[in-house]
Amino acid sequence: MSVKQPEISLQSPREEEKKGDFEELPSQDQLKTAAKIPIFDVEGKELAFGDLFSTPDSEGKKRTLVIFIRHFFCGSCQSYLHTLSKSISSTDSLPAGTTLAIIGCGSHTIIPMYAKETACPFPIYSDPSRRLFDILGMSRSLSLGESTPDYIQQSVLASTVKGISQILKRIPAGDGLKGGDIKQIGGEFLFEVQGSVLEPIWCHRMRNTRDHTEVPTLRRVLGLDGD
């Protein structure tokens, strides 16, 4: 869908106003670095980011959509995944040879609560170091943006109160303050494996805290509703 872009240098997390092309594809150098970054599954098992891209199917091609969310107590991201999960209810709902994974920046111990809250049927991982966010060019911001996306069905106040309530409930478990960096924002990346080569074929980096790709657009990117 997208033409591969020139390589871009690795930077520390850039603030929103300093961000460049939000749809610029990661370079091969960035992907090679990112593939080695450790992430953690729901049980705390460590694996490399590159492990998400398993052996291609019989046609020699496999696609993986990776959605990077904000901190695990972000009400906006929870609304996004809840909306996404109602639209794409399981891996079987995806096109053949396509998988989907979620990556947040908080403690893996919060993943069970997060999966239940969002009714998310897809695997959720944690990158508490935020190195993947950095390497793949995602920004840090607290801006709400100028418009409210369709996937958000509650007010900012209600979303904030919900997040605070979740934090307080996690205090006894010792991870109430380990939801992740509140300024870190994410994005969506579609990768394709052909043979042994991992290629980025589409991406969108969030410009603000409510800038995930709308679900109808994401469905089209995945080929669920047209090309």
C-alpha atoms as a PDB file:
ATOM      1  CA  MET A   1       0.000   0.000   0.000  1.00  0.00           C
ATOM      2  CA  SER A   2       2.739   2.417   0.994  1.00  0.00           C
ATOM      3  CA  VAL A   3       6.031   3.060  -0.701  1.00  0.00           C
ATOM      4  CA  LYS A   4       9.021   2.372   1.502  1.00  0.00           C
ATOM      5  CA  GLN A   5      10.480   5.628   2.773  1.00  0.00           C
ATOM      6  CA  PRO A   6      14.131   6.620   3.219  1.00  0.00           C
ATOM      7  CA  GLU A   7      15.757   5.672   6.488  1.00  0.00           C
ATOM      8  CA  ILE A   8      15.274   8.010   9.413  1.00  0.00           C
ATOM      9  CA  SER A   9      17.678   8.336  12.295  1.00  0.00           C
ATOM     10  CA  LEU A  10      16.994   7.004  15.761  1.00  0.00           C
ATOM     11  CA  GLN A  11      15.855   9.721  18.140  1.00  0.00           C
ATOM     12  CA  SER A  12      14.825  10.042  21.739  1.00  0.00           C
ATOM     13  CA  PRO A  13      11.020  10.322  22.088  1.00  0.00           C
ATOM     14  CA  ARG A  14      10.039  13.483  20.248  1.00  0.00           C
ATOM     15  CA  GLU A  15       7.480  15.933  21.511  1.00  0.00           C
ATOM     16  CA  GLU A  16       4.382  16.370  19.379  1.00  0.00           C
ATOM     17  CA  GLU A  17       5.337  19.758  17.961  1.00  0.00           C
ATOM     18  CA  LYS A  18       8.719  18.399  16.823  1.00  0.00           C
ATOM     19  CA  LYS A  19       7.308  15.321  15.128  1.00  0.00           C
ATOM     20  CA  GLY A  20       7.852  14.827  11.418  1.00  0.00           C
ATOM     21  CA  ASP A  21       5.985  12.436   9.142  1.00  0.00           C
ATOM     22  CA  PHE A  22       3.503  10.443  11.202  1.00  0.00           C
ATOM     23  CA  GLU A  23       3.143   7.866   8.411  1.00  0.00           C
ATOM     24  CA  GLU A  24       6.838   7.470   7.580  1.00  0.00           C
ATOM     25  CA  LEU A  25       7.695   3.779   7.520  1.00  0.00           C
ATOM     26  CA  PRO A  26      10.445   2.517   9.844  1.00  0.00           C
ATOM     27  CA  SER A  27      13.763   1.705   8.189  1.00  0.00           C
ATOM     28  CA  GLN A  28      15.321  -1.738   8.090  1.00  0.00           C
ATOM     29  CA  ASP A  29      17.965  -0.566  10.574  1.00  0.00           C
ATOM     30  CA  GLN A  30      15.232   0.468  12.980  1.00  0.00           C
ATOM     31  CA  LEU A  31      13.445  -2.855  12.565  1.00  0.00           C
ATOM     32  CA  LYS A  32      16.631  -4.828  13.184  1.00  0.00           C
ATOM     33  CA  THR A  33      17.174  -2.889  16.399  1.00  0.00           C
ATOM     34  CA  ALA A  34      13.521  -3.162  17.434  1.00  0.00           C
ATOM     35  CA  ALA A  35      13.453  -6.932  16.824  1.00  0.00           C
ATOM     36  CA  LYS A  36      15.882  -7.464  19.707  1.00  0.00           C
ATOM     37  CA  ILE A  37      13.983  -5.407  22.294  1.00  0.00           C
ATOM     38  CA  PRO A  38      12.504  -7.532  25.101  1.00  0.00           C
ATOM     39  CA  ILE A  39       8.771  -7.432  25.752  1.00  0.00           C
ATOM     40  CA  PHE A  40       6.721  -9.313  28.354  1.00  0.00           C
ATOM     41  CA  ASP A  41       3.538 -11.330  27.992  1.00  0.00           C
ATOM     42  CA  VAL A  42       0.640 -11.599  30.434  1.00  0.00           C
ATOM     43  CA  GLU A  43       2.560 -14.111  32.574  1.00  0.00           C
ATOM     44  CA  GLY A  44       5.734 -12.039  32.668  1.00  0.00           C
ATOM     45  CA  LYS A  45       7.555 -14.258  30.191  1.00  0.00           C
ATOM     46  CA  GLU A  46      10.210 -12.337  28.280  1.00  0.00           C
ATOM     47  CA  LEU A  47      10.433 -12.565  24.516  1.00  0.00           C
ATOM     48  CA  ALA A  48      11.918 -10.425  21.778  1.00  0.00           C
ATOM     49  CA  PHE A  49       9.716  -8.108  19.713  1.00  0.00           C
ATOM     50  CA  GLY A  50      10.883  -9.999  16.630  1.00  0.00           C
ATOM     51  CA  ASP A  51       9.332 -13.183  18.035  1.00  0.00           C
ATOM     52  CA  LEU A  52       5.889 -11.776  17.238  1.00  0.00           C
ATOM     53  CA  PHE A  53       6.530 -12.356  13.560  1.00  0.00           C
ATOM     54  CA  SER A  54       6.418 -16.114  13.262  1.00  0.00           C
ATOM     55  CA  THR A  55       6.982 -18.421  10.297  1.00  0.00           C
ATOM     56  CA  PRO A  56       5.109 -17.307   7.161  1.00  0.00           C
ATOM     57  CA  ASP A  57       2.132 -19.325   5.970  1.00  0.00           C
ATOM     58  CA  SER A  58       2.106 -21.648   2.972  1.00  0.00           C
ATOM     59  CA  GLU A  59       1.855 -18.708   0.582  1.00  0.00           C
ATOM     60  CA  GLY A  60       5.109 -17.317   1.916  1.00  0.00           C
ATOM     61  CA  LYS A  61       3.529 -14.228   3.463  1.00  0.00           C
ATOM     62  CA  LYS A  62       2.364 -13.271   6.945  1.00  0.00           C
ATOM     63  CA  ARG A  63       1.042  -9.944   8.187  1.00  0.00           C
ATOM     64  CA  THR A  64       0.993  -8.702  11.759  1.00  0.00           C
ATOM     65  CA  LEU A  65      -0.736  -5.548  12.958  1.00  0.00           C
ATOM     66  CA  VAL A  66       0.845  -4.164  16.134  1.00  0.00           C
ATOM     67  CA  ILE A  67      -1.117  -1.542  18.064  1.00  0.00           C
ATOM     68  CA  PHE A  68       0.922   0.508  20.533  1.00  0.00           C
ATOM     69  CA  ILE A  69      -1.256   1.922  23.289  1.00  0.00           C
ATOM     70  CA  ARG A  70      -0.580   4.485  25.996  1.00  0.00           C
ATOM     71  CA  HIS A  71      -0.369   3.648  29.711  1.00  0.00           C
ATOM     72  CA  PHE A  72      -2.604   0.836  30.903  1.00  0.00           C
ATOM     73  CA  PHE A  73      -4.936   3.210  32.774  1.00  0.00           C
ATOM     74  CA  CYS A  74      -5.647   5.430  29.745  1.00  0.00           C
ATOM     75  CA  GLY A  75      -9.421   5.542  29.283  1.00  0.00           C
ATOM     76  CA  SER A  76      -9.135   6.673  25.663  1.00  0.00           C
ATOM     77  CA  CYS A  77      -7.014   3.669  24.664  1.00  0.00           C
ATOM     78  CA  GLN A  78      -9.324   1.364  26.605  1.00  0.00           C
ATOM     79  CA  SER A  79     -12.271   2.769  24.635  1.00  0.00           C
ATOM     80  CA  TYR A  80     -10.327   2.246  21.420  1.00  0.00           C
ATOM     81  CA  LEU A  81      -9.571  -1.405  22.106  1.00  0.00           C
ATOM     82  CA  HIS A  82     -13.116  -2.028  23.296  1.00  0.00           C
ATOM     83  CA  THR A  83     -14.448  -0.595  20.021  1.00  0.00           C
ATOM     84  CA  LEU A  84     -11.885  -2.546  18.014  1.00  0.00           C
ATOM     85  CA  SER A  85     -12.721  -5.778  19.826  1.00  0.00           C
ATOM     86  CA  LYS A  86     -16.422  -5.408  19.028  1.00  0.00           C
ATOM     87  CA  SER A  87     -15.595  -4.906  15.355  1.00  0.00           C
ATOM     88  CA  ILE A  88     -12.880  -7.596  15.097  1.00  0.00           C
ATOM     89  CA  SER A  89     -13.896 -10.168  17.679  1.00  0.00           C
ATOM     90  CA  SER A  90     -11.154 -12.760  17.237  1.00  0.00           C
ATOM     91  CA  THR A  91      -8.126 -13.801  15.204  1.00  0.00           C
ATOM     92  CA  ASP A  92     -10.530 -15.815  13.049  1.00  0.00           C
ATOM     93  CA  SER A  93     -12.149 -12.504  12.048  1.00  0.00           C
ATOM     94  CA  LEU A  94      -8.880 -11.352  10.470  1.00  0.00           C
ATOM     95  CA  PRO A  95      -7.846 -12.127   6.891  1.00  0.00           C
ATOM     96  CA  ALA A  96      -5.909 -15.374   6.396  1.00  0.00           C
ATOM     97  CA  GLY A  97      -2.275 -15.086   7.421  1.00  0.00           C
ATOM     98  CA  THR A  98      -2.904 -11.993   9.579  1.00  0.00           C
ATOM     99  CA  THR A  99      -2.393 -11.633  13.328  1.00  0.00           C
ATOM    100  CA  LEU A 100      -2.832  -8.733  15.739  1.00  0.00           C
ATOM    101  CA  ALA A 101      -0.962  -7.803  18.921  1.00  0.00           C
ATOM    102  CA  ILE A 102      -1.195  -5.001  21.478  1.00  0.00           C
ATOM    103  CA  ILE A 103       1.806  -3.443  23.234  1.00  0.00           C
ATOM    104  CA  GLY A 104       1.621  -1.064  26.201  1.00  0.00           C
ATOM    105  CA  CYS A 105       4.327   0.607  28.264  1.00  0.00           C
ATOM    106  CA  GLY A 106       3.330  -0.407  31.807  1.00  0.00           C
ATOM    107  CA  SER A 107       3.842  -3.448  34.002  1.00  0.00           C
ATOM    108  CA  HIS A 108       2.792  -6.822  32.594  1.00  0.00           C
ATOM    109  CA  THR A 109       0.976  -7.509  35.870  1.00  0.00           C
ATOM    110  CA  ILE A 110      -1.785  -5.081  34.805  1.00  0.00           C
ATOM    111  CA  ILE A 111      -2.454  -6.888  31.519  1.00  0.00           C
ATOM    112  CA  PRO A 112      -5.142  -9.258  32.924  1.00  0.00           C
ATOM    113  CA  MET A 113      -7.168  -6.301  34.224  1.00  0.00           C
ATOM    114  CA  TYR A 114      -6.651  -4.452  30.946  1.00  0.00           C
ATOM    115  CA  ALA A 115      -7.736  -7.416  28.813  1.00  0.00           C
ATOM    116  CA  LYS A 116     -10.893  -7.863  30.905  1.00  0.00           C
ATOM    117  CA  GLU A 117     -11.736  -4.148  30.863  1.00  0.00           C
ATOM    118  CA  THR A 118     -11.402  -3.901  27.073  1.00  0.00           C
ATOM    119  CA  ALA A 119     -12.735  -7.395  26.224  1.00  0.00           C
ATOM    120  CA  CYS A 120      -9.659  -7.656  24.014  1.00  0.00           C
ATOM    121  CA  PRO A 121      -9.267 -11.133  22.437  1.00  0.00           C
ATOM    122  CA  PHE A 122      -5.770 -10.448  21.135  1.00  0.00           C
ATOM    123  CA  PRO A 123      -2.456 -10.968  22.963  1.00  0.00           C
ATOM    124  CA  ILE A 124      -1.277  -7.979  24.983  1.00  0.00           C
ATOM    125  CA  TYR A 125       2.376  -7.338  25.799  1.00  0.00           C
ATOM    126  CA  SER A 126       4.358  -4.846  27.816  1.00  0.00           C
ATOM    127  CA  ASP A 127       7.409  -2.784  26.873  1.00  0.00           C
ATOM    128  CA  PRO A 128       8.126  -1.055  30.202  1.00  0.00           C
ATOM    129  CA  SER A 129      11.395   0.353  28.856  1.00  0.00           C
ATOM    130  CA  ARG A 130       9.476   2.184  26.068  1.00  0.00           C
ATOM    131  CA  ARG A 131      12.424   1.460  23.778  1.00  0.00           C
ATOM    132  CA  LEU A 132      10.165   0.166  21.021  1.00  0.00           C
ATOM    133  CA  PHE A 133       8.137   3.374  21.148  1.00  0.00           C
ATOM    134  CA  ASP A 134      11.385   5.315  20.856  1.00  0.00           C
ATOM    135  CA  ILE A 135      12.980   3.261  18.081  1.00  0.00           C
ATOM    136  CA  LEU A 136       9.829   3.261  15.944  1.00  0.00           C
ATOM    137  CA  GLY A 137       9.462   7.033  16.244  1.00  0.00           C
ATOM    138  CA  MET A 138       6.460   7.457  18.510  1.00  0.00           C
ATOM    139  CA  SER A 139       6.092  10.708  20.426  1.00  0.00           C
ATOM    140  CA  ARG A 140       5.289  11.906  23.934  1.00  0.00           C
ATOM    141  CA  SER A 141       2.430  14.320  24.498  1.00  0.00           C
ATOM    142  CA  LEU A 142      -0.467  15.176  26.802  1.00  0.00           C
ATOM    143  CA  SER A 143      -2.426  17.028  24.120  1.00  0.00           C
ATOM    144  CA  LEU A 144      -6.020  15.858  23.627  1.00  0.00           C
ATOM    145  CA  GLY A 145      -6.131  17.118  20.062  1.00  0.00           C
ATOM    146  CA  GLU A 146      -8.849  19.312  18.585  1.00  0.00           C
ATOM    147  CA  SER A 147     -11.529  16.695  17.944  1.00  0.00           C
ATOM    148  CA  THR A 148     -13.043  13.681  19.674  1.00  0.00           C
ATOM    149  CA  PRO A 149     -12.693  10.448  17.690  1.00  0.00           C
ATOM    150  CA  ASP A 150     -15.687   8.201  17.071  1.00  0.00           C
ATOM    151  CA  TYR A 151     -14.259   5.405  19.226  1.00  0.00           C
ATOM    152  CA  ILE A 152     -14.541   7.487  22.395  1.00  0.00           C
ATOM    153  CA  GLN A 153     -18.002   7.253  23.931  1.00  0.00           C
ATOM    154  CA  GLN A 154     -17.406   9.054  27.236  1.00  0.00           C
ATOM    155  CA  SER A 155     -16.281  12.476  28.396  1.00  0.00           C
ATOM    156  CA  VAL A 156     -12.712  13.341  29.324  1.00  0.00           C
ATOM    157  CA  LEU A 157     -13.823  13.704  32.946  1.00  0.00           C
ATOM    158  CA  ALA A 158     -15.493  10.286  33.015  1.00  0.00           C
ATOM    159  CA  SER A 159     -12.449   8.713  31.371  1.00  0.00           C
ATOM    160  CA  THR A 160     -10.110  10.341  33.891  1.00  0.00           C
ATOM    161  CA  VAL A 161     -12.205   9.279  36.870  1.00  0.00           C
ATOM    162  CA  LYS A 162     -12.304   5.716  35.547  1.00  0.00           C
ATOM    163  CA  GLY A 163      -8.524   5.649  35.186  1.00  0.00           C
ATOM    164  CA  ILE A 164      -7.975   6.989  38.697  1.00  0.00           C
ATOM    165  CA  SER A 165     -10.379   4.388  40.073  1.00  0.00           C
ATOM    166  CA  GLN A 166      -8.438   1.622  38.340  1.00  0.00           C
ATOM    167  CA  ILE A 167      -5.174   2.948  39.742  1.00  0.00           C
ATOM    168  CA  LEU A 168      -6.549   3.006  43.290  1.00  0.00           C
ATOM    169  CA  LYS A 169      -7.819  -0.563  42.954  1.00  0.00           C
ATOM    170  CA  ARG A 170      -4.336  -1.697  41.903  1.00  0.00           C
ATOM    171  CA  ILE A 171      -2.528  -0.032  44.812  1.00  0.00           C
ATOM    172  CA  PRO A 172      -2.892  -3.115  47.078  1.00  0.00           C
ATOM    173  CA  ALA A 173      -1.391  -5.252  44.300  1.00  0.00           C
ATOM    174  CA  GLY A 174       1.633  -2.963  44.225  1.00  0.00           C
ATOM    175  CA  ASP A 175       1.339  -1.905  40.570  1.00  0.00           C
ATOM    176  CA  GLY A 176      -1.075   1.016  40.780  1.00  0.00           C
ATOM    177  CA  LEU A 177       1.746   3.382  39.868  1.00  0.00           C
ATOM    178  CA  LYS A 178       3.182   1.098  37.183  1.00  0.00           C
ATOM    179  CA  GLY A 179       0.695   1.707  34.403  1.00  0.00           C
ATOM    180  CA  GLY A 180       3.327   3.375  32.230  1.00  0.00           C
ATOM    181  CA  ASP A 181       4.467   6.856  31.198  1.00  0.00           C
ATOM    182  CA  ILE A 182       1.349   9.056  30.926  1.00  0.00           C
ATOM    183  CA  LYS A 183       2.975  11.189  28.213  1.00  0.00           C
ATOM    184  CA  GLN A 184       3.850   8.284  25.929  1.00  0.00           C
ATOM    185  CA  ILE A 185       1.578   7.975  22.915  1.00  0.00           C
ATOM    186  CA  GLY A 186       1.521   5.130  20.446  1.00  0.00           C
ATOM    187  CA  GLY A 187       0.295   4.159  17.013  1.00  0.00           C
ATOM    188  CA  GLU A 188      -0.454   1.308  14.638  1.00  0.00           C
ATOM    189  CA  PHE A 189       2.057  -0.587  12.494  1.00  0.00           C
ATOM    190  CA  LEU A 190       1.340  -3.254   9.884  1.00  0.00           C
ATOM    191  CA  PHE A 191       4.256  -5.561   9.119  1.00  0.00           C
ATOM    192  CA  GLU A 192       4.632  -8.272   6.506  1.00  0.00           C
ATOM    193  CA  VAL A 193       7.043 -11.191   6.496  1.00  0.00           C
ATOM    194  CA  GLN A 194       8.092 -12.658   3.165  1.00  0.00           C
ATOM    195  CA  GLY A 195      10.676 -15.378   3.478  1.00  0.00           C
ATOM    196  CA  SER A 196      12.952 -14.148   6.261  1.00  0.00           C
ATOM    197  CA  VAL A 197      12.484 -10.419   5.572  1.00  0.00           C
ATOM    198  CA  LEU A 198      10.294  -8.259   7.804  1.00  0.00           C
ATOM    199  CA  GLU A 199       8.849  -5.273   5.945  1.00  0.00           C
ATOM    200  CA  PRO A 200       6.733  -2.391   7.255  1.00  0.00           C
ATOM    201  CA  ILE A 201       3.868  -1.790   4.826  1.00  0.00           C
ATOM    202  CA  TRP A 202       1.733   0.784   6.669  1.00  0.00           C
ATOM    203  CA  CYS A 203       1.856   2.799   9.865  1.00  0.00           C
ATOM    204  CA  HIS A 204       0.224   5.630  11.745  1.00  0.00           C
ATOM    205  CA  ARG A 205       1.798   7.377  14.730  1.00  0.00           C
ATOM    206  CA  MET A 206      -0.508   9.168  17.123  1.00  0.00           C
ATOM    207  CA  ARG A 207      -0.315  12.973  17.132  1.00  0.00           C
ATOM    208  CA  ASN A 208      -2.065  13.292  20.490  1.00  0.00           C
ATOM    209  CA  THR A 209      -3.575  11.118  23.215  1.00  0.00           C
ATOM    210  CA  ARG A 210      -6.772  10.464  21.218  1.00  0.00           C
ATOM    211  CA  ASP A 211      -5.360   9.841  17.757  1.00  0.00           C
ATOM    212  CA  HIS A 212      -5.542   6.083  17.221  1.00  0.00           C
ATOM    213  CA  THR A 213      -6.563   5.104  13.696  1.00  0.00           C
ATOM    214  CA  GLU A 214     -10.344   4.923  13.575  1.00  0.00           C
ATOM    215  CA  VAL A 215     -11.589   1.326  13.424  1.00  0.00           C
ATOM    216  CA  PRO A 216     -13.290   1.596   9.980  1.00  0.00           C
ATOM    217  CA  THR A 217     -10.006   2.849   8.524  1.00  0.00           C
ATOM    218  CA  LEU A 218      -8.087   0.073  10.246  1.00  0.00           C
ATOM    219  CA  ARG A 219     -10.486  -2.490   8.798  1.00  0.00           C
ATOM    220  CA  ARG A 220      -9.782  -1.157   5.304  1.00  0.00           C
ATOM    221  CA  VAL A 221      -6.034  -1.277   5.932  1.00  0.00           C
ATOM    222  CA  LEU A 222      -6.390  -4.932   6.914  1.00  0.00           C
ATOM    223  CA  GLY A 223      -8.455  -5.669   3.829  1.00  0.00           C
ATOM    224  CA  LEU A 224     -11.619  -6.478   5.755  1.00  0.00           C
ATOM    225  CA  ASP A 225     -13.703  -3.812   4.012  1.00  0.00           C
ATOM    226  CA  GLY A 226     -12.218  -3.370   0.562  1.00  0.00           C
ATOM    227  CA  ASP A 227      -8.594  -2.845  -0.432  1.00  0.00           C
END
